[in-house]
Amino acid sequence: MAINVIPTDSTILTDSLLEIDETELEESAEQETSPEIIELKLPASICGERLDKALSKLIPQYSRGRIQKWIEDGFVTVDGEKSKIKTTMLGDELVVIKPQAAPDEGAFSPEDIPIQIVYEDESIMVINKPAGLVVHPAAGNWSGTLLNALLFHRPALVNLPRAGIVHRLDKDTSGLMVVAKTLTAQTELVRQLQARTVSREYYALVWGTPITSGTVDAAIARHNRDRLKMAVSYSVLAKPAVTHYQRVATGMLERFPVSLVSCKLETGRTHQIRVHMLSLGFPLVGDTLYGKQHLARFFHRQALQARKLGLVHPVSGDYVEWRIPLENDFADLLVQAGMQVPQ
């Protein structure tokens, strides 16, 4: 079997991962030092400065935000007393600082978290991510992620950017993801995602009855008021997003109509299906961020699963495809709505 080696452009790979992953990660650029106690005799030149500003000048290896956190938590004393961020310094004070580890320091540590491997060879893995598992460490989730699990089960992935992750699923979305095991495979998968040749099909249960089929071609950007949300936007910062959908079945949850919809993505923006279906007036069942809050009792998460994944194998060049059955909780929800569970 002939193997085509694809040249690796590390700049393209890094930039593309930031684009495709779509998660706004808070990555620290600070240089870590040992957590030894720091004692400072403040010079007269800082007279009139706030405590946090004075310290950020004297210990520039730490960000002001991190210093502020230490002051707030009582790890900084001025002449033996705890102080406040905005306290004005006069000079000649003795400041004692007990540096604390940043919450993200363990973000790339292996953790024994079970993962379901659907397929694996020497260059790629395809996994079935469960609902509730965050893909990549970020603010609020510095541990317990898919990345931590991958580093435990396949330690060699520590040598790849983001442990081989090239795309993501929302925390409460289940389903198929591909992970690269070599830099060559990762670069090729990123290029396929950029070229929109990776086939990704999701099943979603939505409130209401959309037309039989259609396409939503609407750019998406961060919501201008709620930073936790994304929204259809005409902003210059909005990124193109295209979703093709088809109604598969209809049913009822109590007296409310619902529809099972198959969604195929051309792009992979954050919350894309959730935002696009909402823009049509059909939010996902169980989606408390975008959906109907008063109907949250019907399902404990957004009813969304990445059910089919297809791509060109980065080594063989063959088109390969995987499909998984609906998760048990999703299948039970369809039965509750009077629908037949797709095979």
C-alpha atoms as a PDB file:
ATOM      1  CA  MET A   1       0.000   0.000   0.000  1.00  0.00           C
ATOM      2  CA  ALA A   2       1.426   3.364  -1.028  1.00  0.00           C
ATOM      3  CA  ILE A   3       1.457   6.052   1.618  1.00  0.00           C
ATOM      4  CA  ASN A   4       1.348   9.693   0.582  1.00  0.00           C
ATOM      5  CA  VAL A   5       3.220  11.833   3.091  1.00  0.00           C
ATOM      6  CA  ILE A   6       1.581  15.247   3.392  1.00  0.00           C
ATOM      7  CA  PRO A   7       3.958  18.145   4.126  1.00  0.00           C
ATOM      8  CA  THR A   8       3.285  19.627   7.541  1.00  0.00           C
ATOM      9  CA  ASP A   9       2.953  23.385   7.836  1.00  0.00           C
ATOM     10  CA  SER A  10       2.966  24.038  11.581  1.00  0.00           C
ATOM     11  CA  THR A  11       1.667  27.597  11.128  1.00  0.00           C
ATOM     12  CA  ILE A  12      -1.342  26.434   9.141  1.00  0.00           C
ATOM     13  CA  LEU A  13      -1.988  23.676  11.653  1.00  0.00           C
ATOM     14  CA  THR A  14      -1.897  25.953  14.682  1.00  0.00           C
ATOM     15  CA  ASP A  15      -4.041  28.667  13.120  1.00  0.00           C
ATOM     16  CA  SER A  16      -6.549  26.163  11.775  1.00  0.00           C
ATOM     17  CA  LEU A  17      -6.958  24.391  15.078  1.00  0.00           C
ATOM     18  CA  LEU A  18      -7.803  27.691  16.715  1.00  0.00           C
ATOM     19  CA  GLU A  19     -10.396  28.303  14.005  1.00  0.00           C
ATOM     20  CA  ILE A  20     -11.950  24.858  13.816  1.00  0.00           C
ATOM     21  CA  ASP A  21     -12.050  24.124  17.518  1.00  0.00           C
ATOM     22  CA  GLU A  22     -14.218  27.255  17.952  1.00  0.00           C
ATOM     23  CA  THR A  23     -13.698  27.344  21.698  1.00  0.00           C
ATOM     24  CA  GLU A  24     -12.482  30.617  23.169  1.00  0.00           C
ATOM     25  CA  LEU A  25      -9.782  29.171  25.356  1.00  0.00           C
ATOM     26  CA  GLU A  26      -8.120  31.323  27.948  1.00  0.00           C
ATOM     27  CA  GLU A  27      -4.497  30.448  27.366  1.00  0.00           C
ATOM     28  CA  SER A  28      -1.994  31.971  29.784  1.00  0.00           C
ATOM     29  CA  ALA A  29       1.258  33.343  28.431  1.00  0.00           C
ATOM     30  CA  GLU A  30       2.733  33.757  31.876  1.00  0.00           C
ATOM     31  CA  GLN A  31       6.073  32.220  32.790  1.00  0.00           C
ATOM     32  CA  GLU A  32       5.653  29.905  35.770  1.00  0.00           C
ATOM     33  CA  THR A  33       8.041  30.134  38.669  1.00  0.00           C
ATOM     34  CA  SER A  34       8.380  28.061  41.787  1.00  0.00           C
ATOM     35  CA  PRO A  35       5.699  28.846  44.411  1.00  0.00           C
ATOM     36  CA  GLU A  36       8.137  30.218  46.964  1.00  0.00           C
ATOM     37  CA  ILE A  37       7.094  33.075  49.221  1.00  0.00           C
ATOM     38  CA  ILE A  38       8.004  36.475  47.802  1.00  0.00           C
ATOM     39  CA  GLU A  39       8.986  39.330  50.104  1.00  0.00           C
ATOM     40  CA  LEU A  40       9.193  42.857  48.722  1.00  0.00           C
ATOM     41  CA  LYS A  41      10.228  46.113  50.331  1.00  0.00           C
ATOM     42  CA  LEU A  42       8.335  48.642  48.273  1.00  0.00           C
ATOM     43  CA  PRO A  43      10.457  51.475  46.853  1.00  0.00           C
ATOM     44  CA  ALA A  44       9.540  55.119  47.322  1.00  0.00           C
ATOM     45  CA  SER A  45       8.946  55.386  43.578  1.00  0.00           C
ATOM     46  CA  ILE A  46       5.607  53.558  43.837  1.00  0.00           C
ATOM     47  CA  CYS A  47       4.146  56.132  46.251  1.00  0.00           C
ATOM     48  CA  GLY A  48       0.521  56.770  45.248  1.00  0.00           C
ATOM     49  CA  GLU A  49       0.149  53.526  43.296  1.00  0.00           C
ATOM     50  CA  ARG A  50      -2.572  50.954  43.983  1.00  0.00           C
ATOM     51  CA  LEU A  51      -1.332  47.743  45.533  1.00  0.00           C
ATOM     52  CA  ASP A  52      -2.122  45.557  42.512  1.00  0.00           C
ATOM     53  CA  LYS A  53      -0.543  47.999  40.057  1.00  0.00           C
ATOM     54  CA  ALA A  54       2.581  48.346  42.179  1.00  0.00           C
ATOM     55  CA  LEU A  55       3.021  44.580  42.418  1.00  0.00           C
ATOM     56  CA  SER A  56       2.456  44.023  38.704  1.00  0.00           C
ATOM     57  CA  LYS A  57       5.409  46.342  38.069  1.00  0.00           C
ATOM     58  CA  LEU A  58       7.644  44.656  40.627  1.00  0.00           C
ATOM     59  CA  ILE A  59       6.823  41.045  39.664  1.00  0.00           C
ATOM     60  CA  PRO A  60       5.983  41.309  35.927  1.00  0.00           C
ATOM     61  CA  GLN A  61       6.165  37.529  35.440  1.00  0.00           C
ATOM     62  CA  TYR A  62       2.633  37.382  36.893  1.00  0.00           C
ATOM     63  CA  SER A  63      -0.397  39.079  35.317  1.00  0.00           C
ATOM     64  CA  ARG A  64      -2.252  41.774  37.249  1.00  0.00           C
ATOM     65  CA  GLY A  65      -5.382  39.632  37.187  1.00  0.00           C
ATOM     66  CA  ARG A  66      -3.558  36.814  38.914  1.00  0.00           C
ATOM     67  CA  ILE A  67      -2.081  39.193  41.489  1.00  0.00           C
ATOM     68  CA  GLN A  68      -5.545  40.639  42.144  1.00  0.00           C
ATOM     69  CA  LYS A  69      -6.870  37.149  42.789  1.00  0.00           C
ATOM     70  CA  TRP A  70      -4.121  36.500  45.336  1.00  0.00           C
ATOM     71  CA  ILE A  71      -4.885  39.787  47.096  1.00  0.00           C
ATOM     72  CA  GLU A  72      -8.622  38.999  47.193  1.00  0.00           C
ATOM     73  CA  ASP A  73      -7.965  35.511  48.571  1.00  0.00           C
ATOM     74  CA  GLY A  74      -5.672  36.762  51.326  1.00  0.00           C
ATOM     75  CA  PHE A  75      -2.361  35.506  49.977  1.00  0.00           C
ATOM     76  CA  VAL A  76      -0.829  38.989  50.029  1.00  0.00           C
ATOM     77  CA  THR A  77      -0.087  40.946  53.211  1.00  0.00           C
ATOM     78  CA  VAL A  78       1.147  44.505  53.631  1.00  0.00           C
ATOM     79  CA  ASP A  79       3.146  45.081  56.839  1.00  0.00           C
ATOM     80  CA  GLY A  80       1.670  41.848  58.178  1.00  0.00           C
ATOM     81  CA  GLU A  81      -1.968  42.702  57.415  1.00  0.00           C
ATOM     82  CA  LYS A  82      -4.254  41.583  54.607  1.00  0.00           C
ATOM     83  CA  SER A  83      -4.974  44.400  52.219  1.00  0.00           C
ATOM     84  CA  LYS A  84      -7.237  45.330  49.331  1.00  0.00           C
ATOM     85  CA  ILE A  85      -6.556  45.664  45.615  1.00  0.00           C
ATOM     86  CA  LYS A  86      -7.131  49.409  45.549  1.00  0.00           C
ATOM     87  CA  THR A  87      -5.195  50.239  48.727  1.00  0.00           C
ATOM     88  CA  THR A  88      -2.781  53.098  48.007  1.00  0.00           C
ATOM     89  CA  MET A  89       0.869  52.378  48.704  1.00  0.00           C
ATOM     90  CA  LEU A  90       3.154  55.028  50.208  1.00  0.00           C
ATOM     91  CA  GLY A  91       6.481  53.243  49.754  1.00  0.00           C
ATOM     92  CA  ASP A  92       8.664  51.385  52.258  1.00  0.00           C
ATOM     93  CA  GLU A  93       5.895  48.837  53.057  1.00  0.00           C
ATOM     94  CA  LEU A  94       6.864  45.182  53.458  1.00  0.00           C
ATOM     95  CA  VAL A  95       4.718  43.061  51.146  1.00  0.00           C
ATOM     96  CA  VAL A  96       4.661  39.273  51.517  1.00  0.00           C
ATOM     97  CA  ILE A  97       3.172  37.221  48.660  1.00  0.00           C
ATOM     98  CA  LYS A  98       2.352  33.511  48.708  1.00  0.00           C
ATOM     99  CA  PRO A  99       2.027  32.606  45.001  1.00  0.00           C
ATOM    100  CA  GLN A 100      -0.722  30.123  44.190  1.00  0.00           C
ATOM    101  CA  ALA A 101      -0.802  27.711  41.284  1.00  0.00           C
ATOM    102  CA  ALA A 102      -2.886  28.811  38.320  1.00  0.00           C
ATOM    103  CA  PRO A 103      -6.058  26.742  37.835  1.00  0.00           C
ATOM    104  CA  ASP A 104      -4.951  25.746  34.338  1.00  0.00           C
ATOM    105  CA  GLU A 105      -1.646  24.188  35.385  1.00  0.00           C
ATOM    106  CA  GLY A 106      -3.136  20.685  35.392  1.00  0.00           C
ATOM    107  CA  ALA A 107      -5.111  21.188  32.201  1.00  0.00           C
ATOM    108  CA  PHE A 108      -2.916  18.823  30.181  1.00  0.00           C
ATOM    109  CA  SER A 109      -2.628  16.096  32.804  1.00  0.00           C
ATOM    110  CA  PRO A 110      -3.731  12.513  32.035  1.00  0.00           C
ATOM    111  CA  GLU A 111      -6.927  11.424  33.810  1.00  0.00           C
ATOM    112  CA  ASP A 112      -8.486   7.962  33.943  1.00  0.00           C
ATOM    113  CA  ILE A 113     -11.780   8.857  32.272  1.00  0.00           C
ATOM    114  CA  PRO A 114     -13.498   6.109  30.246  1.00  0.00           C
ATOM    115  CA  ILE A 115     -13.825   6.719  26.502  1.00  0.00           C
ATOM    116  CA  GLN A 116     -15.640   4.620  23.919  1.00  0.00           C
ATOM    117  CA  ILE A 117     -13.429   3.959  20.900  1.00  0.00           C
ATOM    118  CA  VAL A 118     -15.453   3.193  17.755  1.00  0.00           C
ATOM    119  CA  TYR A 119     -12.432   2.793  15.464  1.00  0.00           C
ATOM    120  CA  GLU A 120      -8.655   3.063  15.777  1.00  0.00           C
ATOM    121  CA  ASP A 121      -5.565   2.544  13.651  1.00  0.00           C
ATOM    122  CA  GLU A 122      -2.055   3.974  13.653  1.00  0.00           C
ATOM    123  CA  SER A 123      -3.099   7.430  12.462  1.00  0.00           C
ATOM    124  CA  ILE A 124      -6.616   8.178  13.746  1.00  0.00           C
ATOM    125  CA  MET A 125      -9.150   7.334  16.441  1.00  0.00           C
ATOM    126  CA  VAL A 126     -12.911   7.746  16.199  1.00  0.00           C
ATOM    127  CA  ILE A 127     -14.643   8.035  19.545  1.00  0.00           C
ATOM    128  CA  ASN A 128     -18.222   8.274  20.754  1.00  0.00           C
ATOM    129  CA  LYS A 129     -18.174  11.223  23.162  1.00  0.00           C
ATOM    130  CA  PRO A 130     -20.780  10.949  25.920  1.00  0.00           C
ATOM    131  CA  ALA A 131     -22.998  13.854  26.875  1.00  0.00           C
ATOM    132  CA  GLY A 132     -21.621  15.791  29.831  1.00  0.00           C
ATOM    133  CA  LEU A 133     -17.959  15.519  28.813  1.00  0.00           C
ATOM    134  CA  VAL A 134     -16.163  18.754  27.892  1.00  0.00           C
ATOM    135  CA  VAL A 135     -13.805  18.314  24.928  1.00  0.00           C
ATOM    136  CA  HIS A 136     -10.957  20.690  25.789  1.00  0.00           C
ATOM    137  CA  PRO A 137      -9.811  22.359  29.026  1.00  0.00           C
ATOM    138  CA  ALA A 138     -10.912  25.986  29.371  1.00  0.00           C
ATOM    139  CA  ALA A 139     -12.036  28.404  32.051  1.00  0.00           C
ATOM    140  CA  GLY A 140     -14.342  26.554  34.456  1.00  0.00           C
ATOM    141  CA  ASN A 141     -13.284  23.135  33.157  1.00  0.00           C
ATOM    142  CA  TRP A 142      -9.531  22.779  33.636  1.00  0.00           C
ATOM    143  CA  SER A 143      -9.807  19.039  34.268  1.00  0.00           C
ATOM    144  CA  GLY A 144     -12.111  16.109  33.569  1.00  0.00           C
ATOM    145  CA  THR A 145     -12.141  16.706  29.811  1.00  0.00           C
ATOM    146  CA  LEU A 146     -11.827  14.506  26.750  1.00  0.00           C
ATOM    147  CA  LEU A 147      -8.293  15.815  26.273  1.00  0.00           C
ATOM    148  CA  ASN A 148      -7.340  14.606  29.763  1.00  0.00           C
ATOM    149  CA  ALA A 149      -8.873  11.208  28.959  1.00  0.00           C
ATOM    150  CA  LEU A 150      -6.993  10.932  25.657  1.00  0.00           C
ATOM    151  CA  LEU A 151      -3.671  11.664  27.363  1.00  0.00           C
ATOM    152  CA  PHE A 152      -4.349   8.840  29.819  1.00  0.00           C
ATOM    153  CA  HIS A 153      -5.393   6.207  27.270  1.00  0.00           C
ATOM    154  CA  ARG A 154      -2.912   7.232  24.559  1.00  0.00           C
ATOM    155  CA  PRO A 155       0.038   9.011  26.288  1.00  0.00           C
ATOM    156  CA  ALA A 156       1.858   9.627  22.978  1.00  0.00           C
ATOM    157  CA  LEU A 157      -0.816  12.217  22.097  1.00  0.00           C
ATOM    158  CA  VAL A 158       0.978  14.635  24.418  1.00  0.00           C
ATOM    159  CA  ASN A 159       3.270  15.334  21.452  1.00  0.00           C
ATOM    160  CA  LEU A 160       0.437  16.691  19.289  1.00  0.00           C
ATOM    161  CA  PRO A 161      -1.289  20.081  19.488  1.00  0.00           C
ATOM    162  CA  ARG A 162      -4.399  19.675  21.636  1.00  0.00           C
ATOM    163  CA  ALA A 163      -3.687  15.954  21.932  1.00  0.00           C
ATOM    164  CA  GLY A 164      -4.825  15.374  18.349  1.00  0.00           C
ATOM    165  CA  ILE A 165      -8.210  17.062  18.701  1.00  0.00           C
ATOM    166  CA  VAL A 166      -9.272  18.772  15.476  1.00  0.00           C
ATOM    167  CA  HIS A 167     -12.943  19.557  16.107  1.00  0.00           C
ATOM    168  CA  ARG A 168     -15.321  19.567  19.027  1.00  0.00           C
ATOM    169  CA  LEU A 169     -18.802  18.858  20.300  1.00  0.00           C
ATOM    170  CA  ASP A 170     -20.640  20.868  22.936  1.00  0.00           C
ATOM    171  CA  LYS A 171     -20.455  19.471  26.458  1.00  0.00           C
ATOM    172  CA  ASP A 172     -24.015  18.100  26.422  1.00  0.00           C
ATOM    173  CA  THR A 173     -23.945  16.894  22.821  1.00  0.00           C
ATOM    174  CA  SER A 174     -23.020  13.238  22.362  1.00  0.00           C
ATOM    175  CA  GLY A 175     -21.604  11.464  19.354  1.00  0.00           C
ATOM    176  CA  LEU A 176     -18.761  10.872  16.936  1.00  0.00           C
ATOM    177  CA  MET A 177     -15.454  12.720  16.884  1.00  0.00           C
ATOM    178  CA  VAL A 178     -12.218  11.966  15.056  1.00  0.00           C
ATOM    179  CA  VAL A 179      -8.872  12.403  16.814  1.00  0.00           C
ATOM    180  CA  ALA A 180      -5.515  12.401  15.019  1.00  0.00           C
ATOM    181  CA  LYS A 181      -2.663  10.242  16.323  1.00  0.00           C
ATOM    182  CA  THR A 182       0.094  11.735  14.164  1.00  0.00           C
ATOM    183  CA  LEU A 183       0.968  15.267  13.136  1.00  0.00           C
ATOM    184  CA  THR A 184       0.589  14.335   9.459  1.00  0.00           C
ATOM    185  CA  ALA A 185      -2.922  12.994  10.096  1.00  0.00           C
ATOM    186  CA  GLN A 186      -3.850  16.038  12.167  1.00  0.00           C
ATOM    187  CA  THR A 187      -2.734  18.423   9.436  1.00  0.00           C
ATOM    188  CA  GLU A 188      -4.666  16.514   6.779  1.00  0.00           C
ATOM    189  CA  LEU A 189      -7.851  16.345   8.893  1.00  0.00           C
ATOM    190  CA  VAL A 190      -7.665  20.086   9.548  1.00  0.00           C
ATOM    191  CA  ARG A 191      -7.359  20.691   5.813  1.00  0.00           C
ATOM    192  CA  GLN A 192     -10.389  18.493   5.154  1.00  0.00           C
ATOM    193  CA  LEU A 193     -12.394  20.434   7.714  1.00  0.00           C
ATOM    194  CA  GLN A 194     -11.299  23.690   6.099  1.00  0.00           C
ATOM    195  CA  ALA A 195     -12.301  22.353   2.681  1.00  0.00           C
ATOM    196  CA  ARG A 196     -15.680  21.248   4.124  1.00  0.00           C
ATOM    197  CA  THR A 197     -15.201  17.714   2.826  1.00  0.00           C
ATOM    198  CA  VAL A 198     -15.748  16.031   6.201  1.00  0.00           C
ATOM    199  CA  SER A 199     -19.299  14.666   6.371  1.00  0.00           C
ATOM    200  CA  ARG A 200     -21.015  15.261   9.723  1.00  0.00           C
ATOM    201  CA  GLU A 201     -24.632  14.315  10.309  1.00  0.00           C
ATOM    202  CA  TYR A 202     -26.528  15.018  13.536  1.00  0.00           C
ATOM    203  CA  TYR A 203     -29.953  14.078  14.838  1.00  0.00           C
ATOM    204  CA  ALA A 204     -31.811  16.755  16.764  1.00  0.00           C
ATOM    205  CA  LEU A 205     -35.248  16.810  18.372  1.00  0.00           C
ATOM    206  CA  VAL A 206     -36.802  20.250  18.028  1.00  0.00           C
ATOM    207  CA  TRP A 207     -39.965  21.923  19.259  1.00  0.00           C
ATOM    208  CA  GLY A 208     -42.485  22.461  16.450  1.00  0.00           C
ATOM    209  CA  THR A 209     -42.770  21.207  12.886  1.00  0.00           C
ATOM    210  CA  PRO A 210     -40.312  22.666  10.373  1.00  0.00           C
ATOM    211  CA  ILE A 211     -40.811  22.245   6.639  1.00  0.00           C
ATOM    212  CA  THR A 212     -39.668  18.942   5.173  1.00  0.00           C
ATOM    213  CA  SER A 213     -36.170  20.145   4.310  1.00  0.00           C
ATOM    214  CA  GLY A 214     -34.112  23.274   3.877  1.00  0.00           C
ATOM    215  CA  THR A 215     -30.760  25.003   4.258  1.00  0.00           C
ATOM    216  CA  VAL A 216     -29.777  27.695   6.729  1.00  0.00           C
ATOM    217  CA  ASP A 217     -26.962  29.835   5.361  1.00  0.00           C
ATOM    218  CA  ALA A 218     -26.454  32.406   8.106  1.00  0.00           C
ATOM    219  CA  ALA A 219     -23.242  33.675   9.672  1.00  0.00           C
ATOM    220  CA  ILE A 220     -22.742  33.267  13.409  1.00  0.00           C
ATOM    221  CA  ALA A 221     -20.999  35.467  15.966  1.00  0.00           C
ATOM    222  CA  ARG A 222     -20.890  35.894  19.724  1.00  0.00           C
ATOM    223  CA  HIS A 223     -24.180  37.319  21.052  1.00  0.00           C
ATOM    224  CA  ASN A 224     -23.804  41.069  21.572  1.00  0.00           C
ATOM    225  CA  ARG A 225     -25.404  41.019  25.038  1.00  0.00           C
ATOM    226  CA  ASP A 226     -25.035  37.489  26.411  1.00  0.00           C
ATOM    227  CA  ARG A 227     -21.439  36.297  26.049  1.00  0.00           C
ATOM    228  CA  LEU A 228     -22.457  32.698  26.770  1.00  0.00           C
ATOM    229  CA  LYS A 229     -24.518  32.603  23.596  1.00  0.00           C
ATOM    230  CA  MET A 230     -23.906  32.673  19.878  1.00  0.00           C
ATOM    231  CA  ALA A 231     -26.330  34.276  17.416  1.00  0.00           C
ATOM    232  CA  VAL A 232     -27.049  34.734  13.732  1.00  0.00           C
ATOM    233  CA  SER A 233     -25.243  37.961  12.926  1.00  0.00           C
ATOM    234  CA  TYR A 234     -24.449  40.400  10.133  1.00  0.00           C
ATOM    235  CA  SER A 235     -21.401  41.665  11.983  1.00  0.00           C
ATOM    236  CA  VAL A 236     -18.055  41.787  10.161  1.00  0.00           C
ATOM    237  CA  LEU A 237     -16.836  39.465  12.924  1.00  0.00           C
ATOM    238  CA  ALA A 238     -19.444  36.799  12.105  1.00  0.00           C
ATOM    239  CA  LYS A 239     -18.207  33.559  10.539  1.00  0.00           C
ATOM    240  CA  PRO A 240     -19.997  31.809   7.657  1.00  0.00           C
ATOM    241  CA  ALA A 241     -22.166  28.887   8.754  1.00  0.00           C
ATOM    242  CA  VAL A 242     -24.259  26.496   6.660  1.00  0.00           C
ATOM    243  CA  THR A 243     -26.615  23.785   7.935  1.00  0.00           C
ATOM    244  CA  HIS A 244     -28.723  21.474   5.749  1.00  0.00           C
ATOM    245  CA  TYR A 245     -31.677  19.899   7.541  1.00  0.00           C
ATOM    246  CA  GLN A 246     -34.398  17.358   6.817  1.00  0.00           C
ATOM    247  CA  ARG A 247     -37.419  16.452   8.927  1.00  0.00           C
ATOM    248  CA  VAL A 248     -37.341  12.728   9.683  1.00  0.00           C
ATOM    249  CA  ALA A 249     -40.389  12.225  11.927  1.00  0.00           C
ATOM    250  CA  THR A 250     -42.928  14.111  14.022  1.00  0.00           C
ATOM    251  CA  GLY A 251     -44.478  13.433  17.409  1.00  0.00           C
ATOM    252  CA  MET A 252     -45.872  14.970  20.575  1.00  0.00           C
ATOM    253  CA  LEU A 253     -44.494  15.537  24.055  1.00  0.00           C
ATOM    254  CA  GLU A 254     -47.707  15.908  26.038  1.00  0.00           C
ATOM    255  CA  ARG A 255     -49.580  18.503  23.950  1.00  0.00           C
ATOM    256  CA  PHE A 256     -46.501  20.031  22.327  1.00  0.00           C
ATOM    257  CA  PRO A 257     -45.467  19.020  18.770  1.00  0.00           C
ATOM    258  CA  VAL A 258     -41.863  17.951  18.215  1.00  0.00           C
ATOM    259  CA  SER A 259     -39.855  16.863  15.186  1.00  0.00           C
ATOM    260  CA  LEU A 260     -36.806  14.683  14.697  1.00  0.00           C
ATOM    261  CA  VAL A 261     -34.488  16.501  12.296  1.00  0.00           C
ATOM    262  CA  SER A 262     -31.361  15.309  10.515  1.00  0.00           C
ATOM    263  CA  CYS A 263     -28.775  18.089  10.210  1.00  0.00           C
ATOM    264  CA  LYS A 264     -25.714  18.023   7.948  1.00  0.00           C
ATOM    265  CA  LEU A 265     -22.986  20.567   8.561  1.00  0.00           C
ATOM    266  CA  GLU A 266     -20.823  22.304   5.997  1.00  0.00           C
ATOM    267  CA  THR A 267     -19.167  24.366   8.716  1.00  0.00           C
ATOM    268  CA  GLY A 268     -18.605  23.707  12.410  1.00  0.00           C
ATOM    269  CA  ARG A 269     -19.290  26.892  14.343  1.00  0.00           C
ATOM    270  CA  THR A 270     -19.906  26.971  18.058  1.00  0.00           C
ATOM    271  CA  HIS A 271     -23.540  25.961  18.813  1.00  0.00           C
ATOM    272  CA  GLN A 272     -24.257  26.021  15.064  1.00  0.00           C
ATOM    273  CA  ILE A 273     -27.233  23.637  14.914  1.00  0.00           C
ATOM    274  CA  ARG A 274     -28.741  25.047  18.097  1.00  0.00           C
ATOM    275  CA  VAL A 275     -28.493  28.627  16.797  1.00  0.00           C
ATOM    276  CA  HIS A 276     -29.642  27.851  13.240  1.00  0.00           C
ATOM    277  CA  MET A 277     -32.686  25.850  14.330  1.00  0.00           C
ATOM    278  CA  LEU A 278     -33.577  28.595  16.813  1.00  0.00           C
ATOM    279  CA  SER A 279     -33.348  31.158  13.995  1.00  0.00           C
ATOM    280  CA  LEU A 280     -36.058  29.207  12.162  1.00  0.00           C
ATOM    281  CA  GLY A 281     -38.230  29.169  15.276  1.00  0.00           C
ATOM    282  CA  PHE A 282     -37.530  25.532  16.227  1.00  0.00           C
ATOM    283  CA  PRO A 283     -35.242  25.376  19.297  1.00  0.00           C
ATOM    284  CA  LEU A 284     -33.926  22.030  20.470  1.00  0.00           C
ATOM    285  CA  VAL A 285     -35.734  20.071  23.138  1.00  0.00           C
ATOM    286  CA  GLY A 286     -33.817  20.267  26.420  1.00  0.00           C
ATOM    287  CA  ASP A 287     -31.698  23.251  25.363  1.00  0.00           C
ATOM    288  CA  THR A 288     -31.904  25.568  28.359  1.00  0.00           C
ATOM    289  CA  LEU A 289     -29.516  28.118  26.844  1.00  0.00           C
ATOM    290  CA  TYR A 290     -31.446  28.715  23.631  1.00  0.00           C
ATOM    291  CA  GLY A 291     -34.694  26.830  24.122  1.00  0.00           C
ATOM    292  CA  LYS A 292     -37.955  26.979  26.015  1.00  0.00           C
ATOM    293  CA  GLN A 293     -37.122  27.235  29.719  1.00  0.00           C
ATOM    294  CA  HIS A 294     -40.623  26.256  30.835  1.00  0.00           C
ATOM    295  CA  LEU A 295     -40.335  22.964  28.916  1.00  0.00           C
ATOM    296  CA  ALA A 296     -36.911  21.979  30.276  1.00  0.00           C
ATOM    297  CA  ARG A 297     -38.504  19.194  32.315  1.00  0.00           C
ATOM    298  CA  PHE A 298     -38.792  16.957  29.240  1.00  0.00           C
ATOM    299  CA  PHE A 299     -35.063  16.315  28.788  1.00  0.00           C
ATOM    300  CA  HIS A 300     -31.929  16.878  30.860  1.00  0.00           C
ATOM    301  CA  ARG A 301     -29.745  18.136  27.969  1.00  0.00           C
ATOM    302  CA  GLN A 302     -30.103  19.399  24.421  1.00  0.00           C
ATOM    303  CA  ALA A 303     -31.438  16.557  22.283  1.00  0.00           C
ATOM    304  CA  LEU A 304     -28.548  16.481  19.839  1.00  0.00           C
ATOM    305  CA  GLN A 305     -26.214  13.693  18.728  1.00  0.00           C
ATOM    306  CA  ALA A 306     -23.444  13.500  16.128  1.00  0.00           C
ATOM    307  CA  ARG A 307     -24.636  10.259  14.591  1.00  0.00           C
ATOM    308  CA  LYS A 308     -22.581   9.901  11.392  1.00  0.00           C
ATOM    309  CA  LEU A 309     -19.037  10.908  10.476  1.00  0.00           C
ATOM    310  CA  GLY A 310     -17.307  10.477   7.125  1.00  0.00           C
ATOM    311  CA  LEU A 311     -13.893  11.556   5.866  1.00  0.00           C
ATOM    312  CA  VAL A 312     -10.997  10.674   3.600  1.00  0.00           C
ATOM    313  CA  HIS A 313      -8.542   8.566   5.558  1.00  0.00           C
ATOM    314  CA  PRO A 314      -5.363  10.658   5.932  1.00  0.00           C
ATOM    315  CA  VAL A 315      -3.086   7.714   5.016  1.00  0.00           C
ATOM    316  CA  SER A 316      -4.982   5.348   2.707  1.00  0.00           C
ATOM    317  CA  GLY A 317      -6.880   8.052   0.849  1.00  0.00           C
ATOM    318  CA  ASP A 318     -10.062   5.956   1.033  1.00  0.00           C
ATOM    319  CA  TYR A 319     -13.381   7.503   2.050  1.00  0.00           C
ATOM    320  CA  VAL A 320     -14.456   5.965   5.368  1.00  0.00           C
ATOM    321  CA  GLU A 321     -17.647   6.436   7.349  1.00  0.00           C
ATOM    322  CA  TRP A 322     -18.997   5.549  10.800  1.00  0.00           C
ATOM    323  CA  ARG A 323     -22.527   5.551  12.160  1.00  0.00           C
ATOM    324  CA  ILE A 324     -23.733   4.910  15.716  1.00  0.00           C
ATOM    325  CA  PRO A 325     -27.191   4.274  17.169  1.00  0.00           C
ATOM    326  CA  LEU A 326     -28.928   6.955  19.180  1.00  0.00           C
ATOM    327  CA  GLU A 327     -27.970   7.174  22.847  1.00  0.00           C
ATOM    328  CA  ASN A 328     -30.404   5.420  25.172  1.00  0.00           C
ATOM    329  CA  ASP A 329     -31.705   8.640  26.719  1.00  0.00           C
ATOM    330  CA  PHE A 330     -32.324  10.163  23.284  1.00  0.00           C
ATOM    331  CA  ALA A 331     -34.024   6.987  22.054  1.00  0.00           C
ATOM    332  CA  ASP A 332     -36.253   6.905  25.140  1.00  0.00           C
ATOM    333  CA  LEU A 333     -37.244  10.517  24.471  1.00  0.00           C
ATOM    334  CA  LEU A 334     -38.356   9.606  20.936  1.00  0.00           C
ATOM    335  CA  VAL A 335     -40.434   6.729  22.271  1.00  0.00           C
ATOM    336  CA  GLN A 336     -42.015   9.132  24.760  1.00  0.00           C
ATOM    337  CA  ALA A 337     -42.894  11.399  21.810  1.00  0.00           C
ATOM    338  CA  GLY A 338     -44.506   8.471  19.967  1.00  0.00           C
ATOM    339  CA  MET A 339     -41.773   8.112  17.345  1.00  0.00           C
ATOM    340  CA  GLN A 340     -40.000   5.079  16.017  1.00  0.00           C
ATOM    341  CA  VAL A 341     -36.308   5.058  16.904  1.00  0.00           C
ATOM    342  CA  PRO A 342     -34.166   5.218  13.709  1.00  0.00           C
ATOM    343  CA  GLN A 343     -31.860   2.266  13.147  1.00  0.00           C
END
